């Protein structure tokens, strides 16, 4: 049995509604919607989402970045449907990193590895 991922949709735009409809059909996801403004930080903390999705055109991204500081495992995904763009932010903390380790991290992040969607490759820009 797959582990459930908690997904928080921040906002009520049309694209988020469509995404919610699709995600709710997948039993491995627990989907919750939180309406803007993001003033209920305690509520977000209690929901403990794995992924936070928001509409880049309807929400200011700065409003959700503070959540990355409080939960470095959180993935924040911004969607811009008008220009067909998805941005993903996450925080990875590395402690006591040597210069060699730092270069390895940079090289691994710089690889031009494609993201596969339905068998098609989508290359990050």
C-alpha atoms as a PDB file:
ATOM      1  CA  UNK A   1       0.000   0.000   0.000  1.00  0.00           C
ATOM      2  CA  UNK A   2       1.318   3.428  -0.943  1.00  0.00           C
ATOM      3  CA  UNK A   3       1.851   6.034   1.719  1.00  0.00           C
ATOM      4  CA  UNK A   4      -0.496   8.965   1.556  1.00  0.00           C
ATOM      5  CA  UNK A   5       0.807  12.396   0.584  1.00  0.00           C
ATOM      6  CA  UNK A   6      -0.833  15.439   2.104  1.00  0.00           C
ATOM      7  CA  UNK A   7      -1.391  18.121  -0.489  1.00  0.00           C
ATOM      8  CA  UNK A   8      -2.483  21.628   0.445  1.00  0.00           C
ATOM      9  CA  UNK A   9      -4.001  23.830  -2.249  1.00  0.00           C
ATOM     10  CA  UNK A  10      -3.597  27.483  -1.315  1.00  0.00           C
ATOM     11  CA  UNK A  11      -6.263  29.592  -2.977  1.00  0.00           C
ATOM     12  CA  UNK A  12      -9.412  29.057  -4.985  1.00  0.00           C
ATOM     13  CA  UNK A  13      -8.486  29.749  -8.606  1.00  0.00           C
ATOM     14  CA  UNK A  14      -9.952  27.805 -11.507  1.00  0.00           C
ATOM     15  CA  UNK A  15      -6.708  25.881 -12.117  1.00  0.00           C
ATOM     16  CA  UNK A  16      -6.492  24.824  -8.462  1.00  0.00           C
ATOM     17  CA  UNK A  17     -10.105  23.626  -8.607  1.00  0.00           C
ATOM     18  CA  UNK A  18      -9.297  21.480 -11.643  1.00  0.00           C
ATOM     19  CA  UNK A  19      -6.185  20.101  -9.965  1.00  0.00           C
ATOM     20  CA  UNK A  20      -8.153  19.327  -6.811  1.00  0.00           C
ATOM     21  CA  UNK A  21     -10.789  17.408  -8.801  1.00  0.00           C
ATOM     22  CA  UNK A  22      -8.067  15.291 -10.388  1.00  0.00           C
ATOM     23  CA  UNK A  23      -6.064  14.717  -7.193  1.00  0.00           C
ATOM     24  CA  UNK A  24      -9.154  13.718  -5.186  1.00  0.00           C
ATOM     25  CA  UNK A  25      -9.565  10.731  -7.506  1.00  0.00           C
ATOM     26  CA  UNK A  26      -6.182   9.377  -6.396  1.00  0.00           C
ATOM     27  CA  UNK A  27      -6.392   7.456  -3.104  1.00  0.00           C
ATOM     28  CA  UNK A  28      -2.718   8.117  -2.296  1.00  0.00           C
ATOM     29  CA  UNK A  29      -3.396  11.847  -1.825  1.00  0.00           C
ATOM     30  CA  UNK A  30      -5.095  13.699   1.021  1.00  0.00           C
ATOM     31  CA  UNK A  31      -6.150  17.040  -0.471  1.00  0.00           C
ATOM     32  CA  UNK A  32      -7.054  20.115   1.573  1.00  0.00           C
ATOM     33  CA  UNK A  33      -7.804  23.655   0.415  1.00  0.00           C
ATOM     34  CA  UNK A  34      -6.825  26.745   2.381  1.00  0.00           C
ATOM     35  CA  UNK A  35      -8.115  30.084   1.153  1.00  0.00           C
ATOM     36  CA  UNK A  36      -5.980  33.217   1.007  1.00  0.00           C
ATOM     37  CA  UNK A  37      -4.731  35.183   2.852  1.00  0.00           C
ATOM     38  CA  UNK A  38      -2.300  32.826   4.530  1.00  0.00           C
ATOM     39  CA  UNK A  39      -2.883  34.135   8.046  1.00  0.00           C
ATOM     40  CA  UNK A  40      -3.719  30.820   9.676  1.00  0.00           C
ATOM     41  CA  UNK A  41      -0.152  29.545  10.026  1.00  0.00           C
ATOM     42  CA  UNK A  42      -1.187  27.308  12.934  1.00  0.00           C
ATOM     43  CA  UNK A  43      -3.684  25.591  10.646  1.00  0.00           C
ATOM     44  CA  UNK A  44      -1.010  24.942   8.024  1.00  0.00           C
ATOM     45  CA  UNK A  45       1.309  23.550  10.705  1.00  0.00           C
ATOM     46  CA  UNK A  46      -1.411  21.225  12.000  1.00  0.00           C
ATOM     47  CA  UNK A  47      -2.160  19.955   8.475  1.00  0.00           C
ATOM     48  CA  UNK A  48       1.508  19.038   7.966  1.00  0.00           C
ATOM     49  CA  UNK A  49       1.365  19.075   4.148  1.00  0.00           C
ATOM     50  CA  UNK A  50       4.007  17.362   2.031  1.00  0.00           C
ATOM     51  CA  UNK A  51       3.210  19.557  -0.967  1.00  0.00           C
ATOM     52  CA  UNK A  52       1.706  23.036  -1.209  1.00  0.00           C
ATOM     53  CA  UNK A  53       0.296  24.125  -4.581  1.00  0.00           C
ATOM     54  CA  UNK A  54      -0.707  27.668  -5.466  1.00  0.00           C
ATOM     55  CA  UNK A  55      -1.577  29.721  -8.533  1.00  0.00           C
ATOM     56  CA  UNK A  56       1.326  32.053  -9.337  1.00  0.00           C
ATOM     57  CA  UNK A  57      -1.035  34.521 -10.983  1.00  0.00           C
ATOM     58  CA  UNK A  58      -3.553  34.662  -8.129  1.00  0.00           C
ATOM     59  CA  UNK A  59      -1.220  34.538  -5.132  1.00  0.00           C
ATOM     60  CA  UNK A  60       1.986  36.315  -4.189  1.00  0.00           C
ATOM     61  CA  UNK A  61       4.683  33.612  -3.838  1.00  0.00           C
ATOM     62  CA  UNK A  62       6.287  35.420  -0.903  1.00  0.00           C
ATOM     63  CA  UNK A  63       3.223  34.520   1.167  1.00  0.00           C
ATOM     64  CA  UNK A  64       4.121  30.827   1.079  1.00  0.00           C
ATOM     65  CA  UNK A  65       7.930  30.947   1.243  1.00  0.00           C
ATOM     66  CA  UNK A  66       7.964  31.330   5.015  1.00  0.00           C
ATOM     67  CA  UNK A  67       6.471  27.844   5.164  1.00  0.00           C
ATOM     68  CA  UNK A  68       9.675  26.462   3.642  1.00  0.00           C
ATOM     69  CA  UNK A  69      11.631  27.802   6.598  1.00  0.00           C
ATOM     70  CA  UNK A  70       9.333  26.129   9.111  1.00  0.00           C
ATOM     71  CA  UNK A  71       9.256  22.825   7.198  1.00  0.00           C
ATOM     72  CA  UNK A  72      12.283  22.133   5.002  1.00  0.00           C
ATOM     73  CA  UNK A  73      10.682  18.910   3.696  1.00  0.00           C
ATOM     74  CA  UNK A  74       7.767  20.823   2.173  1.00  0.00           C
ATOM     75  CA  UNK A  75       7.667  21.152  -1.600  1.00  0.00           C
ATOM     76  CA  UNK A  76       6.058  24.344  -2.854  1.00  0.00           C
ATOM     77  CA  UNK A  77       4.671  24.249  -6.388  1.00  0.00           C
ATOM     78  CA  UNK A  78       3.529  27.383  -8.181  1.00  0.00           C
ATOM     79  CA  UNK A  79       1.396  27.021 -11.293  1.00  0.00           C
ATOM     80  CA  UNK A  80       0.930  29.666 -13.972  1.00  0.00           C
ATOM     81  CA  UNK A  81      -1.724  28.330 -16.348  1.00  0.00           C
ATOM     82  CA  UNK A  82      -1.642  31.321 -18.720  1.00  0.00           C
ATOM     83  CA  UNK A  83       1.938  30.637 -19.768  1.00  0.00           C
ATOM     84  CA  UNK A  84       1.958  26.870 -19.044  1.00  0.00           C
ATOM     85  CA  UNK A  85       4.628  27.165 -16.349  1.00  0.00           C
ATOM     86  CA  UNK A  86       5.216  25.183 -13.149  1.00  0.00           C
ATOM     87  CA  UNK A  87       7.845  26.263 -10.602  1.00  0.00           C
ATOM     88  CA  UNK A  88       8.969  24.006  -7.769  1.00  0.00           C
ATOM     89  CA  UNK A  89      10.732  25.278  -4.650  1.00  0.00           C
ATOM     90  CA  UNK A  90      12.187  23.229  -1.846  1.00  0.00           C
ATOM     91  CA  UNK A  91      14.816  23.679   0.819  1.00  0.00           C
ATOM     92  CA  UNK A  92      17.561  21.172   1.368  1.00  0.00           C
ATOM     93  CA  UNK A  93      19.799  21.842   4.310  1.00  0.00           C
ATOM     94  CA  UNK A  94      23.340  20.539   4.249  1.00  0.00           C
ATOM     95  CA  UNK A  95      25.560  20.835   7.298  1.00  0.00           C
ATOM     96  CA  UNK A  96      29.348  20.616   7.512  1.00  0.00           C
ATOM     97  CA  UNK A  97      29.758  20.416   3.755  1.00  0.00           C
ATOM     98  CA  UNK A  98      33.259  20.255   2.319  1.00  0.00           C
ATOM     99  CA  UNK A  99      34.147  22.143  -0.852  1.00  0.00           C
ATOM    100  CA  UNK A 100      34.127  18.823  -2.727  1.00  0.00           C
ATOM    101  CA  UNK A 101      30.656  18.014  -1.372  1.00  0.00           C
ATOM    102  CA  UNK A 102      29.440  21.474  -2.415  1.00  0.00           C
ATOM    103  CA  UNK A 103      30.659  20.942  -5.975  1.00  0.00           C
ATOM    104  CA  UNK A 104      28.936  17.540  -6.083  1.00  0.00           C
ATOM    105  CA  UNK A 105      25.647  19.171  -5.019  1.00  0.00           C
ATOM    106  CA  UNK A 106      26.054  21.862  -7.670  1.00  0.00           C
ATOM    107  CA  UNK A 107      26.836  19.287 -10.362  1.00  0.00           C
ATOM    108  CA  UNK A 108      23.883  17.086  -9.387  1.00  0.00           C
ATOM    109  CA  UNK A 109      21.505  20.067  -9.439  1.00  0.00           C
ATOM    110  CA  UNK A 110      22.897  21.293 -12.765  1.00  0.00           C
ATOM    111  CA  UNK A 111      22.257  18.054 -14.624  1.00  0.00           C
ATOM    112  CA  UNK A 112      19.799  18.467 -17.436  1.00  0.00           C
ATOM    113  CA  UNK A 113      17.629  15.581 -16.352  1.00  0.00           C
ATOM    114  CA  UNK A 114      14.160  15.504 -17.878  1.00  0.00           C
ATOM    115  CA  UNK A 115      10.924  15.317 -15.957  1.00  0.00           C
ATOM    116  CA  UNK A 116       8.727  12.563 -17.381  1.00  0.00           C
ATOM    117  CA  UNK A 117       5.003  13.142 -17.737  1.00  0.00           C
ATOM    118  CA  UNK A 118       2.860  10.474 -19.405  1.00  0.00           C
ATOM    119  CA  UNK A 119       5.890   9.099 -21.196  1.00  0.00           C
ATOM    120  CA  UNK A 120       6.894  12.513 -22.565  1.00  0.00           C
ATOM    121  CA  UNK A 121      10.041  14.277 -21.471  1.00  0.00           C
ATOM    122  CA  UNK A 122       9.797  17.828 -20.213  1.00  0.00           C
ATOM    123  CA  UNK A 123      13.169  19.458 -19.714  1.00  0.00           C
ATOM    124  CA  UNK A 124      13.587  22.065 -16.978  1.00  0.00           C
ATOM    125  CA  UNK A 125      14.731  25.511 -18.172  1.00  0.00           C
END
